[in-house]
C-alpha cells in the first residue's frame, strides 16, 4: 500500500479510537532511559495534536526529575529544531496550529520522543509525510548519538511500512501494550 493511502487510513482509525486520549505508561519510557543510561540529559518531546499519543505527562515527570525538556519548532524548507522548554514557559501557536516554545534557546536532544501515524515490527514509521523528523534525525546523528523512541497506540501497527532511502529507523517503539526494540 502507498504511504499516502496507509497514512490516510491509520489517521482515520486513530481519530476514531483515541478520542479519550489514551496515555502510554510513562514507566515504560523511564525503563528505556535507565537501560540506555540516560540521566540528566535533554529530552525532545512534542505537543500532541491530531489524536497523537499524549507525552505531556511524561515530559512533566522528566522535568521534575531534572531532565531538560524541549519541543520542536518548524522552520522553512521542511526543517525543524528543538528549543528548550519548561511547563512554566509560554507557548505560541505555529502556522500549523501546533503549540511551540516562544523562547529560542536551541538544544540538541539526546532522546527524541516521536509521534507516529503508523509503524511496523522492523521499527520503521510513517509520519505526516513531510520528512521533518527524518531530516532532524539525520542532522542530529551527525552531532551526537541519539535515542529515537516512537510513541503510538498498538492499533497503529501495520504489516510493513513502505520505506525509502530518506526514512530513518527508530530505536524503540512504545505503545499502550508493548515496547519494541
N, C-alpha and C. Protein backbone atom coordinates (compact mmCIF):
# COMPACT_ATOMS: atom_id res chain seq x y z
N UNK A 1 0.85 -1.19 0.00
CA UNK A 1 0.00 0.00 0.00
C UNK A 1 0.89 1.25 0.00
N UNK A 2 0.51 2.26 -0.72
CA UNK A 2 1.24 3.51 -0.76
C UNK A 2 1.21 4.20 0.60
N UNK A 3 2.27 4.93 0.91
CA UNK A 3 2.34 5.64 2.19
C UNK A 3 1.14 6.57 2.37
N UNK A 4 0.78 7.28 1.32
CA UNK A 4 -0.31 8.26 1.45
C UNK A 4 -1.64 7.58 1.80
N UNK A 5 -1.92 6.43 1.16
CA UNK A 5 -3.16 5.71 1.47
C UNK A 5 -3.11 5.12 2.88
N UNK A 6 -1.97 4.57 3.24
CA UNK A 6 -1.79 3.99 4.57
C UNK A 6 -1.94 5.08 5.64
N UNK A 7 -1.33 6.24 5.40
CA UNK A 7 -1.40 7.36 6.33
C UNK A 7 -2.86 7.77 6.54
N UNK A 8 -3.59 7.94 5.44
CA UNK A 8 -4.99 8.36 5.50
C UNK A 8 -5.83 7.35 6.30
N UNK A 9 -5.61 6.08 6.01
CA UNK A 9 -6.37 5.01 6.67
C UNK A 9 -6.11 4.99 8.19
N UNK A 10 -4.83 5.04 8.59
CA UNK A 10 -4.48 4.97 10.01
C UNK A 10 -4.90 6.23 10.75
N UNK A 11 -4.79 7.40 10.11
CA UNK A 11 -5.23 8.63 10.77
C UNK A 11 -6.72 8.58 11.09
N UNK A 12 -7.53 8.03 10.18
CA UNK A 12 -8.96 7.88 10.45
C UNK A 12 -9.20 6.94 11.63
N UNK A 13 -8.48 5.84 11.64
CA UNK A 13 -8.62 4.87 12.74
C UNK A 13 -8.18 5.50 14.05
N UNK A 14 -7.07 6.25 14.02
CA UNK A 14 -6.56 6.87 15.24
C UNK A 14 -7.55 7.89 15.78
N UNK A 15 -8.13 8.69 14.90
CA UNK A 15 -9.10 9.69 15.34
C UNK A 15 -10.30 9.00 15.99
N UNK A 16 -10.77 7.94 15.39
CA UNK A 16 -11.93 7.21 15.91
C UNK A 16 -11.63 6.55 17.26
N UNK A 17 -10.41 6.01 17.41
CA UNK A 17 -10.09 5.21 18.59
C UNK A 17 -9.34 5.94 19.69
N UNK A 18 -8.92 7.17 19.46
CA UNK A 18 -8.17 7.86 20.52
C UNK A 18 -8.86 9.13 21.00
N UNK A 19 -10.16 9.12 20.98
CA UNK A 19 -10.91 10.28 21.46
C UNK A 19 -10.73 10.50 22.96
N UNK A 20 -10.44 9.43 23.69
CA UNK A 20 -10.24 9.55 25.14
C UNK A 20 -8.79 9.87 25.48
N UNK A 21 -7.96 10.11 24.46
CA UNK A 21 -6.57 10.48 24.68
C UNK A 21 -5.84 9.42 25.52
N UNK A 22 -5.75 8.22 24.98
CA UNK A 22 -5.09 7.10 25.64
C UNK A 22 -3.65 7.48 25.94
N UNK A 23 -3.22 7.19 27.16
CA UNK A 23 -1.85 7.51 27.55
C UNK A 23 -1.01 6.25 27.58
N UNK A 24 0.27 6.43 27.35
CA UNK A 24 1.22 5.33 27.48
C UNK A 24 1.82 5.42 28.88
N UNK A 25 1.96 4.29 29.52
CA UNK A 25 2.53 4.25 30.86
C UNK A 25 3.95 4.82 30.82
N UNK A 26 4.17 5.92 31.53
CA UNK A 26 5.47 6.59 31.47
C UNK A 26 6.59 5.72 32.02
N UNK A 27 6.27 4.73 32.84
CA UNK A 27 7.33 3.86 33.38
C UNK A 27 8.02 3.08 32.27
N UNK A 28 7.31 2.84 31.14
CA UNK A 28 7.93 2.15 30.01
C UNK A 28 9.07 2.99 29.42
N UNK A 29 8.84 4.28 29.31
CA UNK A 29 9.86 5.17 28.76
C UNK A 29 11.01 5.31 29.75
N UNK A 30 10.68 5.46 31.03
CA UNK A 30 11.71 5.60 32.05
C UNK A 30 12.58 4.34 32.11
N UNK A 31 11.97 3.18 31.91
CA UNK A 31 12.72 1.92 31.85
C UNK A 31 13.75 1.95 30.70
N UNK A 32 13.35 2.46 29.55
CA UNK A 32 14.26 2.58 28.40
C UNK A 32 15.39 3.56 28.73
N UNK A 33 15.06 4.69 29.34
CA UNK A 33 16.07 5.69 29.68
C UNK A 33 17.10 5.10 30.64
N UNK A 34 16.63 4.32 31.61
CA UNK A 34 17.56 3.68 32.57
C UNK A 34 18.43 2.65 31.85
N UNK A 35 17.82 1.85 30.99
CA UNK A 35 18.56 0.83 30.24
C UNK A 35 19.65 1.47 29.38
N UNK A 36 19.33 2.60 28.78
CA UNK A 36 20.27 3.31 27.91
C UNK A 36 21.20 4.24 28.70
N UNK A 37 21.05 4.22 30.04
CA UNK A 37 21.86 5.06 30.92
C UNK A 37 21.73 6.55 30.60
N UNK A 38 20.51 6.96 30.32
CA UNK A 38 20.22 8.37 30.03
C UNK A 38 19.78 9.01 31.35
N UNK A 39 20.62 9.86 31.89
CA UNK A 39 20.27 10.59 33.11
C UNK A 39 20.66 12.05 32.93
N UNK A 40 19.82 12.93 33.38
CA UNK A 40 20.08 14.37 33.33
C UNK A 40 20.48 14.84 31.94
N UNK A 41 19.77 14.41 30.95
CA UNK A 41 20.06 14.78 29.57
C UNK A 41 18.89 15.58 29.00
N UNK A 42 18.95 15.82 27.70
CA UNK A 42 17.92 16.62 27.03
C UNK A 42 16.95 15.69 26.30
N UNK A 43 15.67 15.85 26.63
CA UNK A 43 14.60 15.06 26.01
C UNK A 43 13.85 15.95 25.01
N UNK A 44 13.72 15.47 23.79
CA UNK A 44 12.92 16.18 22.79
C UNK A 44 11.54 15.54 22.73
N UNK A 45 10.55 16.25 23.21
CA UNK A 45 9.18 15.75 23.18
C UNK A 45 8.41 16.41 22.06
N UNK A 46 7.11 16.42 22.18
CA UNK A 46 6.25 17.10 21.21
C UNK A 46 4.97 17.48 21.90
N UNK A 47 4.28 18.46 21.37
CA UNK A 47 2.97 18.84 21.89
C UNK A 47 1.94 18.08 21.07
N UNK A 48 1.18 17.16 21.70
CA UNK A 48 0.29 16.28 20.94
C UNK A 48 -0.88 17.02 20.29
N UNK A 49 -1.08 16.71 19.02
CA UNK A 49 -2.20 17.25 18.25
C UNK A 49 -2.76 16.11 17.41
N UNK A 50 -3.93 16.29 16.86
CA UNK A 50 -4.47 15.34 15.89
C UNK A 50 -4.54 13.90 16.43
N UNK A 51 -4.92 13.77 17.70
CA UNK A 51 -5.12 12.46 18.34
C UNK A 51 -3.82 11.66 18.50
N UNK A 52 -2.67 12.36 18.56
CA UNK A 52 -1.40 11.69 18.82
C UNK A 52 -1.35 11.22 20.27
N UNK A 53 -0.46 10.27 20.54
CA UNK A 53 -0.23 9.84 21.91
C UNK A 53 0.26 11.05 22.70
N UNK A 54 -0.33 11.27 23.86
CA UNK A 54 -0.02 12.42 24.70
C UNK A 54 1.23 12.13 25.53
N UNK A 55 2.29 12.90 25.30
CA UNK A 55 3.54 12.71 26.05
C UNK A 55 3.74 13.77 27.13
N UNK A 56 2.78 14.67 27.33
CA UNK A 56 2.97 15.79 28.24
C UNK A 56 3.15 15.35 29.70
N UNK A 57 2.39 14.36 30.12
CA UNK A 57 2.53 13.85 31.50
C UNK A 57 3.95 13.30 31.72
N UNK A 58 4.44 12.56 30.74
CA UNK A 58 5.79 12.02 30.81
C UNK A 58 6.82 13.15 30.85
N UNK A 59 6.66 14.16 30.00
CA UNK A 59 7.59 15.29 29.99
C UNK A 59 7.59 16.02 31.33
N UNK A 60 6.42 16.15 31.93
CA UNK A 60 6.31 16.80 33.24
C UNK A 60 7.09 16.00 34.29
N UNK A 61 6.93 14.69 34.26
CA UNK A 61 7.63 13.80 35.19
C UNK A 61 9.15 13.90 34.98
N UNK A 62 9.58 13.91 33.73
CA UNK A 62 11.00 14.01 33.43
C UNK A 62 11.57 15.36 33.88
N UNK A 63 10.81 16.43 33.68
CA UNK A 63 11.27 17.75 34.11
C UNK A 63 11.44 17.79 35.63
N UNK A 64 10.50 17.18 36.36
CA UNK A 64 10.61 17.12 37.82
C UNK A 64 11.85 16.34 38.25
N UNK A 65 12.29 15.40 37.41
CA UNK A 65 13.49 14.61 37.70
C UNK A 65 14.74 15.21 37.08
N UNK A 66 14.71 16.52 36.84
CA UNK A 66 15.87 17.30 36.40
C UNK A 66 16.35 17.05 34.97
N UNK A 67 15.49 16.47 34.13
CA UNK A 67 15.83 16.39 32.71
C UNK A 67 15.49 17.73 32.09
N UNK A 68 16.26 18.14 31.11
CA UNK A 68 15.89 19.31 30.31
C UNK A 68 14.93 18.80 29.26
N UNK A 69 13.83 19.49 29.09
CA UNK A 69 12.89 19.07 28.05
C UNK A 69 12.86 20.14 26.95
N UNK A 70 12.48 19.70 25.78
CA UNK A 70 12.44 20.60 24.64
C UNK A 70 11.31 20.19 23.71
N UNK A 71 10.89 21.14 22.91
CA UNK A 71 9.82 20.91 21.93
C UNK A 71 10.30 21.39 20.56
N UNK A 72 9.73 20.82 19.49
CA UNK A 72 10.16 21.22 18.15
C UNK A 72 9.53 22.54 17.70
N UNK A 73 10.27 23.21 16.84
CA UNK A 73 9.79 24.40 16.14
C UNK A 73 10.03 24.15 14.66
N UNK A 74 8.98 24.26 13.87
CA UNK A 74 9.05 24.04 12.42
C UNK A 74 9.69 25.27 11.77
N UNK A 75 10.65 25.01 10.89
CA UNK A 75 11.37 26.07 10.17
C UNK A 75 10.99 26.03 8.69
N UNK A 76 11.64 26.88 7.92
CA UNK A 76 11.44 26.88 6.47
C UNK A 76 12.13 25.67 5.86
N UNK A 77 11.80 25.35 4.64
CA UNK A 77 12.43 24.27 3.88
C UNK A 77 12.34 22.91 4.56
N UNK A 78 11.22 22.64 5.21
CA UNK A 78 10.96 21.36 5.86
C UNK A 78 12.00 21.01 6.93
N UNK A 79 12.51 22.03 7.60
CA UNK A 79 13.47 21.83 8.69
C UNK A 79 12.76 22.02 10.03
N UNK A 80 13.37 21.46 11.07
CA UNK A 80 12.81 21.54 12.40
C UNK A 80 13.99 21.56 13.37
N UNK A 81 13.87 22.36 14.42
CA UNK A 81 14.85 22.38 15.50
C UNK A 81 14.11 22.25 16.82
N UNK A 82 14.84 21.86 17.84
CA UNK A 82 14.26 21.74 19.17
C UNK A 82 14.76 22.88 20.04
N UNK A 83 13.85 23.40 20.87
CA UNK A 83 14.16 24.51 21.76
C UNK A 83 13.79 24.12 23.17
N UNK A 84 14.70 24.52 24.08
CA UNK A 84 14.46 24.22 25.49
C UNK A 84 13.11 24.80 25.90
N UNK A 85 12.41 24.06 26.73
CA UNK A 85 11.09 24.49 27.17
C UNK A 85 10.80 23.91 28.53
N UNK A 86 10.03 24.62 29.31
CA UNK A 86 9.58 24.16 30.62
C UNK A 86 8.07 24.38 30.68
N UNK A 87 7.43 23.66 31.56
CA UNK A 87 5.98 23.84 31.72
C UNK A 87 5.64 25.22 32.28
N UNK A 88 6.66 25.97 32.72
CA UNK A 88 6.45 27.33 33.21
C UNK A 88 6.55 28.35 32.08
N UNK A 89 7.02 27.91 30.91
CA UNK A 89 7.22 28.80 29.77
C UNK A 89 5.97 28.89 28.90
N UNK A 90 5.86 30.01 28.22
CA UNK A 90 4.75 30.21 27.30
C UNK A 90 4.95 29.43 26.01
N UNK A 91 3.85 29.15 25.36
CA UNK A 91 3.86 28.53 24.04
C UNK A 91 3.13 29.47 23.09
N UNK A 92 3.53 29.44 21.83
CA UNK A 92 2.78 30.17 20.80
C UNK A 92 2.30 29.14 19.79
N UNK A 93 1.26 29.45 19.07
CA UNK A 93 0.73 28.52 18.08
C UNK A 93 1.38 28.78 16.73
N UNK A 94 1.93 27.71 16.14
CA UNK A 94 2.61 27.83 14.85
C UNK A 94 1.58 27.97 13.73
N UNK A 95 2.08 28.22 12.54
CA UNK A 95 1.17 28.34 11.38
C UNK A 95 0.46 27.01 11.10
N UNK A 96 0.96 25.90 11.69
CA UNK A 96 0.31 24.60 11.52
C UNK A 96 -0.66 24.28 12.66
N UNK A 97 -0.82 25.24 13.58
CA UNK A 97 -1.73 25.05 14.70
C UNK A 97 -1.14 24.22 15.83
N UNK A 98 0.19 24.11 15.86
CA UNK A 98 0.87 23.32 16.89
C UNK A 98 1.54 24.26 17.88
N UNK A 99 1.30 24.08 19.18
CA UNK A 99 2.00 24.91 20.17
C UNK A 99 3.51 24.68 20.12
N UNK A 100 4.26 25.79 20.12
CA UNK A 100 5.73 25.75 20.08
C UNK A 100 6.29 26.68 21.15
N UNK A 101 7.53 26.42 21.60
CA UNK A 101 8.15 27.31 22.59
C UNK A 101 8.30 28.72 22.03
N UNK A 102 8.10 29.72 22.90
CA UNK A 102 8.31 31.11 22.50
C UNK A 102 9.78 31.48 22.59
N UNK A 103 10.46 30.94 23.58
CA UNK A 103 11.88 31.26 23.74
C UNK A 103 12.68 30.50 22.70
N UNK A 104 13.82 31.03 22.36
CA UNK A 104 14.58 30.46 21.25
C UNK A 104 15.96 29.97 21.68
N UNK A 105 16.01 29.10 22.69
CA UNK A 105 17.28 28.51 23.12
C UNK A 105 17.39 27.12 22.49
N UNK A 106 18.06 27.04 21.33
CA UNK A 106 18.15 25.78 20.60
C UNK A 106 18.94 24.74 21.40
N UNK A 107 18.48 23.49 21.35
CA UNK A 107 19.16 22.39 22.02
C UNK A 107 19.21 21.20 21.06
N UNK A 108 20.08 20.26 21.39
CA UNK A 108 20.22 19.04 20.60
C UNK A 108 19.88 17.87 21.50
N UNK A 109 18.64 17.37 21.42
CA UNK A 109 18.19 16.32 22.32
C UNK A 109 19.03 15.04 22.24
N UNK A 110 19.15 14.39 23.39
CA UNK A 110 19.79 13.07 23.47
C UNK A 110 18.77 11.99 23.17
N UNK A 111 17.51 12.29 23.49
CA UNK A 111 16.40 11.36 23.28
C UNK A 111 15.30 12.12 22.57
N UNK A 112 14.77 11.51 21.51
CA UNK A 112 13.62 12.08 20.81
C UNK A 112 12.41 11.19 21.03
N UNK A 113 11.32 11.78 21.49
CA UNK A 113 10.02 11.11 21.55
C UNK A 113 9.30 11.53 20.27
N UNK A 114 8.93 10.57 19.44
CA UNK A 114 8.44 10.87 18.10
C UNK A 114 7.02 10.34 17.92
N UNK A 115 6.09 11.23 17.55
CA UNK A 115 4.73 10.76 17.27
C UNK A 115 4.70 9.99 15.95
N UNK A 116 3.85 8.99 15.88
CA UNK A 116 3.78 8.15 14.68
C UNK A 116 2.37 8.12 14.13
N UNK A 117 2.27 7.96 12.84
CA UNK A 117 0.98 7.68 12.23
C UNK A 117 0.83 6.16 12.13
N UNK A 118 1.89 5.49 11.63
CA UNK A 118 1.88 4.02 11.53
C UNK A 118 3.31 3.53 11.73
N UNK A 119 3.44 2.24 12.08
CA UNK A 119 4.75 1.64 12.28
C UNK A 119 4.67 0.15 12.01
N UNK A 120 5.85 -0.46 11.86
CA UNK A 120 5.90 -1.91 11.70
C UNK A 120 6.89 -2.52 12.70
N UNK A 121 6.94 -3.84 12.74
CA UNK A 121 7.78 -4.53 13.73
C UNK A 121 9.27 -4.32 13.47
N UNK A 122 9.64 -3.80 12.30
CA UNK A 122 11.04 -3.51 11.98
C UNK A 122 11.45 -2.10 12.42
N UNK A 123 10.58 -1.43 13.17
CA UNK A 123 10.83 -0.10 13.73
C UNK A 123 10.88 1.00 12.68
N UNK A 124 10.17 0.78 11.58
CA UNK A 124 10.01 1.83 10.57
C UNK A 124 8.70 2.56 10.89
N UNK A 125 8.65 3.82 10.51
CA UNK A 125 7.48 4.64 10.84
C UNK A 125 7.01 5.43 9.64
N UNK A 126 5.76 5.84 9.74
CA UNK A 126 5.20 6.82 8.83
C UNK A 126 4.74 7.98 9.70
N UNK A 127 5.13 9.17 9.28
CA UNK A 127 4.66 10.38 9.94
C UNK A 127 3.62 11.03 9.05
N UNK A 128 3.60 12.34 9.04
CA UNK A 128 2.61 13.06 8.25
C UNK A 128 3.03 13.27 6.80
N UNK A 129 4.26 12.91 6.48
CA UNK A 129 4.66 12.91 5.08
C UNK A 129 5.58 14.02 4.62
N UNK A 130 5.98 14.90 5.53
CA UNK A 130 6.86 16.00 5.11
C UNK A 130 8.33 15.74 5.42
N UNK A 131 8.63 14.69 6.18
CA UNK A 131 10.02 14.32 6.44
C UNK A 131 10.74 15.15 7.49
N UNK A 132 10.02 15.90 8.31
CA UNK A 132 10.67 16.75 9.32
C UNK A 132 11.55 15.91 10.26
N UNK A 133 10.99 14.85 10.82
CA UNK A 133 11.77 14.04 11.76
C UNK A 133 12.92 13.31 11.07
N UNK A 134 12.71 12.83 9.86
CA UNK A 134 13.80 12.16 9.14
C UNK A 134 14.98 13.11 8.92
N UNK A 135 14.70 14.34 8.52
CA UNK A 135 15.77 15.32 8.32
C UNK A 135 16.45 15.66 9.65
N UNK A 136 15.64 15.84 10.70
CA UNK A 136 16.19 16.18 12.01
C UNK A 136 17.09 15.05 12.54
N UNK A 137 16.63 13.82 12.43
CA UNK A 137 17.42 12.68 12.90
C UNK A 137 18.75 12.61 12.15
N UNK A 138 18.71 12.81 10.85
CA UNK A 138 19.94 12.80 10.05
C UNK A 138 20.90 13.89 10.54
N UNK A 139 20.37 15.09 10.77
CA UNK A 139 21.19 16.22 11.22
C UNK A 139 21.76 15.97 12.63
N UNK A 140 20.91 15.54 13.57
CA UNK A 140 21.36 15.32 14.94
C UNK A 140 22.36 14.17 15.04
N UNK A 141 22.15 13.14 14.24
CA UNK A 141 23.04 11.97 14.29
C UNK A 141 24.47 12.32 13.89
N UNK A 142 24.64 13.39 13.15
CA UNK A 142 25.99 13.85 12.79
C UNK A 142 26.66 14.55 13.97
N UNK A 143 25.87 15.04 14.93
CA UNK A 143 26.40 15.76 16.09
C UNK A 143 26.62 14.85 17.30
N UNK A 144 25.75 13.85 17.48
CA UNK A 144 25.81 13.03 18.69
C UNK A 144 24.97 11.78 18.52
N UNK A 145 25.12 10.85 19.45
CA UNK A 145 24.28 9.66 19.46
C UNK A 145 22.93 10.05 20.06
N UNK A 146 21.87 9.70 19.38
CA UNK A 146 20.53 10.00 19.91
C UNK A 146 19.72 8.71 19.97
N UNK A 147 18.83 8.65 20.94
CA UNK A 147 17.90 7.54 21.09
C UNK A 147 16.56 8.01 20.53
N UNK A 148 16.03 7.24 19.58
CA UNK A 148 14.78 7.61 18.91
C UNK A 148 13.67 6.67 19.36
N UNK A 149 12.69 7.23 20.08
CA UNK A 149 11.58 6.44 20.62
C UNK A 149 10.27 6.90 20.00
N UNK A 150 9.65 6.03 19.24
CA UNK A 150 8.35 6.34 18.65
C UNK A 150 7.24 6.03 19.65
N UNK A 151 6.24 6.88 19.71
CA UNK A 151 5.08 6.67 20.59
C UNK A 151 3.84 6.49 19.73
N UNK A 152 3.14 5.40 19.97
CA UNK A 152 1.94 5.10 19.18
C UNK A 152 1.00 4.22 19.99
N UNK A 153 -0.14 3.99 19.44
CA UNK A 153 -1.09 3.05 20.02
C UNK A 153 -0.98 1.74 19.25
N UNK A 154 -1.24 0.64 19.90
CA UNK A 154 -0.98 -0.67 19.29
C UNK A 154 -1.72 -0.86 17.97
N UNK A 155 -2.90 -0.27 17.82
CA UNK A 155 -3.65 -0.45 16.57
C UNK A 155 -3.04 0.30 15.39
N UNK A 156 -1.99 1.10 15.62
CA UNK A 156 -1.32 1.81 14.53
C UNK A 156 -0.27 0.93 13.84
N UNK A 157 -0.06 -0.27 14.37
CA UNK A 157 0.91 -1.17 13.74
C UNK A 157 0.36 -1.75 12.45
N UNK A 158 1.20 -1.80 11.44
CA UNK A 158 0.84 -2.37 10.13
C UNK A 158 1.86 -3.47 9.80
N UNK A 159 1.54 -4.30 8.84
CA UNK A 159 2.44 -5.39 8.47
C UNK A 159 3.79 -4.88 7.98
N UNK A 160 3.76 -3.90 7.10
CA UNK A 160 5.01 -3.39 6.54
C UNK A 160 4.84 -1.94 6.14
N UNK A 161 5.76 -1.11 6.63
CA UNK A 161 5.78 0.29 6.24
C UNK A 161 6.66 0.41 4.99
N UNK A 162 6.13 0.97 3.91
CA UNK A 162 6.97 1.20 2.74
C UNK A 162 8.04 2.25 3.08
N UNK A 163 9.30 1.96 2.77
CA UNK A 163 10.36 2.89 3.12
C UNK A 163 11.16 3.31 1.90
N UNK A 164 11.87 4.44 2.06
CA UNK A 164 12.80 4.89 1.03
C UNK A 164 14.13 5.25 1.69
N UNK A 165 15.09 5.73 0.92
CA UNK A 165 16.43 5.98 1.46
C UNK A 165 16.47 7.10 2.49
N UNK A 166 15.46 7.95 2.54
CA UNK A 166 15.45 9.07 3.49
C UNK A 166 14.83 8.69 4.83
N UNK A 167 14.09 7.60 4.88
CA UNK A 167 13.40 7.20 6.10
C UNK A 167 14.38 6.72 7.16
N UNK A 168 14.21 7.23 8.37
CA UNK A 168 15.08 6.89 9.49
C UNK A 168 14.38 5.87 10.40
N UNK A 169 15.08 4.80 10.68
CA UNK A 169 14.57 3.75 11.57
C UNK A 169 14.64 4.23 13.02
N UNK A 170 13.71 3.78 13.84
CA UNK A 170 13.70 4.14 15.26
C UNK A 170 14.48 3.10 16.07
N UNK A 171 14.81 3.47 17.30
CA UNK A 171 15.48 2.54 18.21
C UNK A 171 14.44 1.74 19.02
N UNK A 172 13.33 2.39 19.34
CA UNK A 172 12.25 1.76 20.10
C UNK A 172 10.92 2.29 19.58
N UNK A 173 9.90 1.49 19.75
CA UNK A 173 8.53 1.97 19.60
C UNK A 173 7.79 1.50 20.85
N UNK A 174 7.16 2.46 21.52
CA UNK A 174 6.44 2.18 22.75
C UNK A 174 4.96 2.42 22.47
N UNK A 175 4.15 1.40 22.76
CA UNK A 175 2.70 1.52 22.59
C UNK A 175 2.03 1.35 23.94
N UNK A 176 0.74 1.45 23.95
CA UNK A 176 -0.03 1.20 25.15
C UNK A 176 0.06 -0.27 25.59
N UNK A 177 0.60 -1.14 24.75
CA UNK A 177 0.70 -2.58 25.09
C UNK A 177 2.13 -3.10 25.16
N UNK A 178 3.04 -2.58 24.32
CA UNK A 178 4.37 -3.18 24.18
C UNK A 178 5.49 -2.16 24.11
N UNK A 179 6.71 -2.67 24.29
CA UNK A 179 7.93 -1.95 23.95
C UNK A 179 8.60 -2.77 22.88
N UNK A 180 8.84 -2.18 21.72
CA UNK A 180 9.51 -2.89 20.62
C UNK A 180 10.90 -2.33 20.47
N UNK A 181 11.86 -3.22 20.27
CA UNK A 181 13.25 -2.80 20.07
C UNK A 181 13.82 -3.55 18.89
